């Protein structure tokens, strides 16, 4: 499971054998959340949450939005482009 981003003691990873739509798993402090990476406008949406507070989710979402382009690029390297 390649780590594609580290921030604030957390890591975002993309599973090589995972499914579409494009998304990242964010893990740390014994918690995990899955965020869908939507559209070319940099939209990010939490899909699943296992333990993060709402405040933590908002902070994670902001960081993922700020890093949207490299996250999509990493997804495409691992899974190819969506056609």
N, C-alpha and C. Protein backbone atom coordinates (compact mmCIF):
# COMPACT_ATOMS: atom_id res chain seq x y z
N UNK A 1 0.85 -1.17 0.00
CA UNK A 1 0.00 0.00 0.00
C UNK A 1 0.90 1.23 0.00
N UNK A 2 1.09 1.83 -1.16
CA UNK A 2 1.97 3.00 -1.25
C UNK A 2 1.43 4.22 -0.50
N UNK A 3 2.27 4.78 0.34
CA UNK A 3 1.95 6.06 0.97
C UNK A 3 2.20 7.16 -0.04
N UNK A 4 1.19 7.98 -0.28
CA UNK A 4 1.32 9.03 -1.29
C UNK A 4 1.42 10.42 -0.68
N UNK A 5 1.15 10.54 0.64
CA UNK A 5 1.23 11.84 1.30
C UNK A 5 1.33 11.60 2.81
N UNK A 6 2.20 12.37 3.45
CA UNK A 6 2.30 12.36 4.92
C UNK A 6 2.07 13.78 5.41
N UNK A 7 1.26 13.91 6.48
CA UNK A 7 0.98 15.24 7.03
C UNK A 7 0.43 15.08 8.44
N UNK A 8 0.84 15.95 9.33
CA UNK A 8 0.31 16.00 10.69
C UNK A 8 0.26 14.67 11.42
N UNK A 9 1.26 13.82 11.22
CA UNK A 9 1.28 12.52 11.87
C UNK A 9 0.39 11.49 11.20
N UNK A 10 -0.19 11.83 10.06
CA UNK A 10 -1.07 10.93 9.32
C UNK A 10 -0.41 10.56 8.00
N UNK A 11 -0.95 9.52 7.37
CA UNK A 11 -0.49 9.19 6.03
C UNK A 11 -1.68 8.85 5.15
N UNK A 12 -1.58 9.24 3.90
CA UNK A 12 -2.59 8.92 2.90
C UNK A 12 -2.00 7.86 1.99
N UNK A 13 -2.76 6.80 1.75
CA UNK A 13 -2.28 5.69 0.95
C UNK A 13 -3.31 5.30 -0.09
N UNK A 14 -2.81 4.69 -1.15
CA UNK A 14 -3.66 4.15 -2.21
C UNK A 14 -3.32 2.67 -2.34
N UNK A 15 -4.32 1.82 -2.21
CA UNK A 15 -4.11 0.38 -2.35
C UNK A 15 -3.98 0.03 -3.83
N UNK A 16 -2.96 -0.72 -4.23
CA UNK A 16 -2.78 -1.06 -5.64
C UNK A 16 -3.92 -1.90 -6.22
N UNK A 17 -4.55 -2.72 -5.42
CA UNK A 17 -5.60 -3.61 -5.93
C UNK A 17 -6.99 -3.07 -5.59
N UNK A 18 -7.11 -1.77 -5.40
CA UNK A 18 -8.37 -1.17 -4.97
C UNK A 18 -9.26 -0.84 -6.17
N UNK A 19 -10.45 -0.39 -5.91
CA UNK A 19 -11.48 -0.14 -6.90
C UNK A 19 -11.65 1.35 -7.15
N UNK A 20 -12.33 1.68 -8.22
CA UNK A 20 -12.73 3.05 -8.51
C UNK A 20 -13.99 3.37 -7.71
N UNK A 21 -14.30 4.61 -7.47
CA UNK A 21 -13.66 5.82 -7.96
C UNK A 21 -12.35 6.10 -7.22
N UNK A 22 -11.59 7.04 -7.77
CA UNK A 22 -10.31 7.41 -7.16
C UNK A 22 -10.54 7.84 -5.71
N UNK A 23 -9.71 7.33 -4.81
CA UNK A 23 -9.84 7.66 -3.39
C UNK A 23 -8.53 7.36 -2.66
N UNK A 24 -8.41 7.91 -1.46
CA UNK A 24 -7.25 7.64 -0.61
C UNK A 24 -7.74 7.19 0.76
N UNK A 25 -6.92 6.39 1.40
CA UNK A 25 -7.14 5.95 2.78
C UNK A 25 -6.20 6.79 3.64
N UNK A 26 -6.75 7.48 4.63
CA UNK A 26 -5.94 8.30 5.54
C UNK A 26 -5.93 7.59 6.89
N UNK A 27 -4.71 7.34 7.40
CA UNK A 27 -4.54 6.57 8.63
C UNK A 27 -3.61 7.26 9.61
N UNK A 28 -3.91 7.06 10.87
CA UNK A 28 -3.04 7.57 11.92
C UNK A 28 -3.76 7.61 13.25
N UNK A 29 -3.02 7.55 14.32
CA UNK A 29 -3.56 7.61 15.68
C UNK A 29 -4.63 6.54 15.91
N UNK A 30 -4.49 5.40 15.23
CA UNK A 30 -5.44 4.30 15.40
C UNK A 30 -6.76 4.50 14.67
N UNK A 31 -6.83 5.51 13.79
CA UNK A 31 -8.05 5.80 13.04
C UNK A 31 -7.79 5.65 11.55
N UNK A 32 -8.88 5.54 10.80
CA UNK A 32 -8.78 5.51 9.33
C UNK A 32 -10.02 6.15 8.74
N UNK A 33 -9.83 6.84 7.63
CA UNK A 33 -10.95 7.40 6.87
C UNK A 33 -10.63 7.26 5.40
N UNK A 34 -11.68 7.14 4.60
CA UNK A 34 -11.53 7.04 3.15
C UNK A 34 -12.16 8.29 2.53
N UNK A 35 -11.41 8.92 1.64
CA UNK A 35 -11.88 10.14 0.97
C UNK A 35 -11.89 9.91 -0.53
N UNK A 36 -13.03 10.14 -1.17
CA UNK A 36 -13.12 10.10 -2.62
C UNK A 36 -12.48 11.36 -3.18
N UNK A 37 -11.76 11.19 -4.27
CA UNK A 37 -11.15 12.30 -5.01
C UNK A 37 -12.02 12.52 -6.23
N UNK A 38 -12.78 13.60 -6.24
CA UNK A 38 -13.78 13.81 -7.29
C UNK A 38 -13.38 14.91 -8.24
N UNK A 39 -13.61 14.69 -9.50
CA UNK A 39 -13.55 15.73 -10.52
C UNK A 39 -12.26 16.50 -10.64
N UNK A 40 -12.18 17.28 -11.68
CA UNK A 40 -10.97 18.07 -11.95
C UNK A 40 -10.92 19.34 -11.10
N UNK A 41 -12.01 19.65 -10.41
CA UNK A 41 -12.06 20.87 -9.60
C UNK A 41 -11.44 20.70 -8.22
N UNK A 42 -10.94 19.50 -7.90
CA UNK A 42 -10.29 19.28 -6.63
C UNK A 42 -11.22 18.99 -5.48
N UNK A 43 -12.41 18.51 -5.78
CA UNK A 43 -13.37 18.19 -4.73
C UNK A 43 -12.96 16.89 -4.04
N UNK A 44 -13.05 16.90 -2.72
CA UNK A 44 -12.74 15.74 -1.89
C UNK A 44 -13.92 15.51 -0.96
N UNK A 45 -14.31 14.24 -0.78
CA UNK A 45 -15.46 13.95 0.09
C UNK A 45 -15.17 12.71 0.92
N UNK A 46 -15.44 12.82 2.22
CA UNK A 46 -15.26 11.66 3.09
C UNK A 46 -16.32 10.61 2.74
N UNK A 47 -15.88 9.37 2.59
CA UNK A 47 -16.77 8.26 2.26
C UNK A 47 -16.98 7.35 3.47
N UNK A 48 -15.91 7.12 4.21
CA UNK A 48 -15.97 6.27 5.39
C UNK A 48 -15.09 6.88 6.47
N UNK A 49 -15.48 6.71 7.73
CA UNK A 49 -14.70 7.23 8.84
C UNK A 49 -14.72 6.24 9.98
N UNK A 50 -13.56 5.90 10.48
CA UNK A 50 -13.42 4.99 11.60
C UNK A 50 -12.57 5.65 12.68
N UNK A 51 -13.19 6.59 13.41
CA UNK A 51 -12.55 7.12 14.59
C UNK A 51 -12.14 8.58 14.59
N UNK A 52 -12.01 9.22 13.44
CA UNK A 52 -11.63 10.62 13.43
C UNK A 52 -12.81 11.49 13.86
N UNK A 53 -12.51 12.58 14.58
CA UNK A 53 -13.56 13.53 14.94
C UNK A 53 -13.92 14.37 13.72
N UNK A 54 -15.04 15.06 13.78
CA UNK A 54 -15.45 15.92 12.67
C UNK A 54 -14.40 17.00 12.42
N UNK A 55 -13.86 17.55 13.46
CA UNK A 55 -12.82 18.57 13.32
C UNK A 55 -11.59 18.01 12.59
N UNK A 56 -11.19 16.79 12.94
CA UNK A 56 -10.06 16.15 12.27
C UNK A 56 -10.38 15.89 10.80
N UNK A 57 -11.60 15.45 10.52
CA UNK A 57 -12.00 15.20 9.13
C UNK A 57 -11.92 16.47 8.29
N UNK A 58 -12.39 17.59 8.83
CA UNK A 58 -12.32 18.86 8.11
C UNK A 58 -10.87 19.24 7.82
N UNK A 59 -10.00 19.04 8.81
CA UNK A 59 -8.59 19.37 8.63
C UNK A 59 -7.95 18.47 7.58
N UNK A 60 -8.25 17.19 7.64
CA UNK A 60 -7.73 16.24 6.64
C UNK A 60 -8.23 16.63 5.26
N UNK A 61 -9.51 16.93 5.15
CA UNK A 61 -10.09 17.30 3.86
C UNK A 61 -9.39 18.52 3.27
N UNK A 62 -9.12 19.54 4.09
CA UNK A 62 -8.42 20.73 3.61
C UNK A 62 -7.04 20.36 3.05
N UNK A 63 -6.33 19.50 3.76
CA UNK A 63 -4.99 19.09 3.31
C UNK A 63 -5.08 18.30 2.00
N UNK A 64 -6.07 17.43 1.89
CA UNK A 64 -6.23 16.65 0.65
C UNK A 64 -6.58 17.56 -0.53
N UNK A 65 -7.43 18.55 -0.29
CA UNK A 65 -7.78 19.49 -1.36
C UNK A 65 -6.53 20.25 -1.81
N UNK A 66 -5.69 20.66 -0.86
CA UNK A 66 -4.47 21.38 -1.19
C UNK A 66 -3.49 20.52 -1.98
N UNK A 67 -3.61 19.20 -1.85
CA UNK A 67 -2.71 18.27 -2.52
C UNK A 67 -3.43 17.43 -3.58
N UNK A 68 -4.56 17.94 -4.07
CA UNK A 68 -5.41 17.18 -4.98
C UNK A 68 -4.66 16.70 -6.23
N UNK A 69 -3.97 17.59 -6.90
CA UNK A 69 -3.29 17.23 -8.15
C UNK A 69 -2.29 16.09 -7.97
N UNK A 70 -1.40 16.15 -6.97
CA UNK A 70 -0.47 15.03 -6.82
C UNK A 70 -1.17 13.73 -6.38
N UNK A 71 -2.28 13.85 -5.65
CA UNK A 71 -3.01 12.64 -5.26
C UNK A 71 -3.65 11.97 -6.47
N UNK A 72 -4.28 12.76 -7.33
CA UNK A 72 -4.87 12.21 -8.56
C UNK A 72 -3.77 11.61 -9.44
N UNK A 73 -2.65 12.29 -9.54
CA UNK A 73 -1.52 11.79 -10.34
C UNK A 73 -1.05 10.44 -9.79
N UNK A 74 -0.97 10.32 -8.46
CA UNK A 74 -0.55 9.05 -7.85
C UNK A 74 -1.57 7.95 -8.15
N UNK A 75 -2.88 8.29 -8.05
CA UNK A 75 -3.92 7.31 -8.37
C UNK A 75 -3.75 6.82 -9.81
N UNK A 76 -3.52 7.75 -10.73
CA UNK A 76 -3.40 7.39 -12.14
C UNK A 76 -2.15 6.56 -12.43
N UNK A 77 -1.07 6.80 -11.71
CA UNK A 77 0.13 5.97 -11.86
C UNK A 77 -0.18 4.54 -11.42
N UNK A 78 -0.91 4.40 -10.33
CA UNK A 78 -1.21 3.06 -9.77
C UNK A 78 -2.33 2.37 -10.54
N UNK A 79 -3.39 3.12 -10.92
CA UNK A 79 -4.61 2.51 -11.48
C UNK A 79 -4.90 2.91 -12.93
N UNK A 80 -4.20 3.85 -13.48
CA UNK A 80 -4.51 4.34 -14.81
C UNK A 80 -5.58 5.42 -14.74
N UNK A 81 -5.82 6.07 -15.85
CA UNK A 81 -6.80 7.14 -15.89
C UNK A 81 -8.20 6.56 -16.02
N UNK A 82 -9.18 7.33 -15.54
CA UNK A 82 -10.58 6.92 -15.68
C UNK A 82 -11.07 7.38 -17.03
N UNK A 83 -11.60 6.47 -17.80
CA UNK A 83 -12.13 6.81 -19.13
C UNK A 83 -13.61 6.57 -19.17
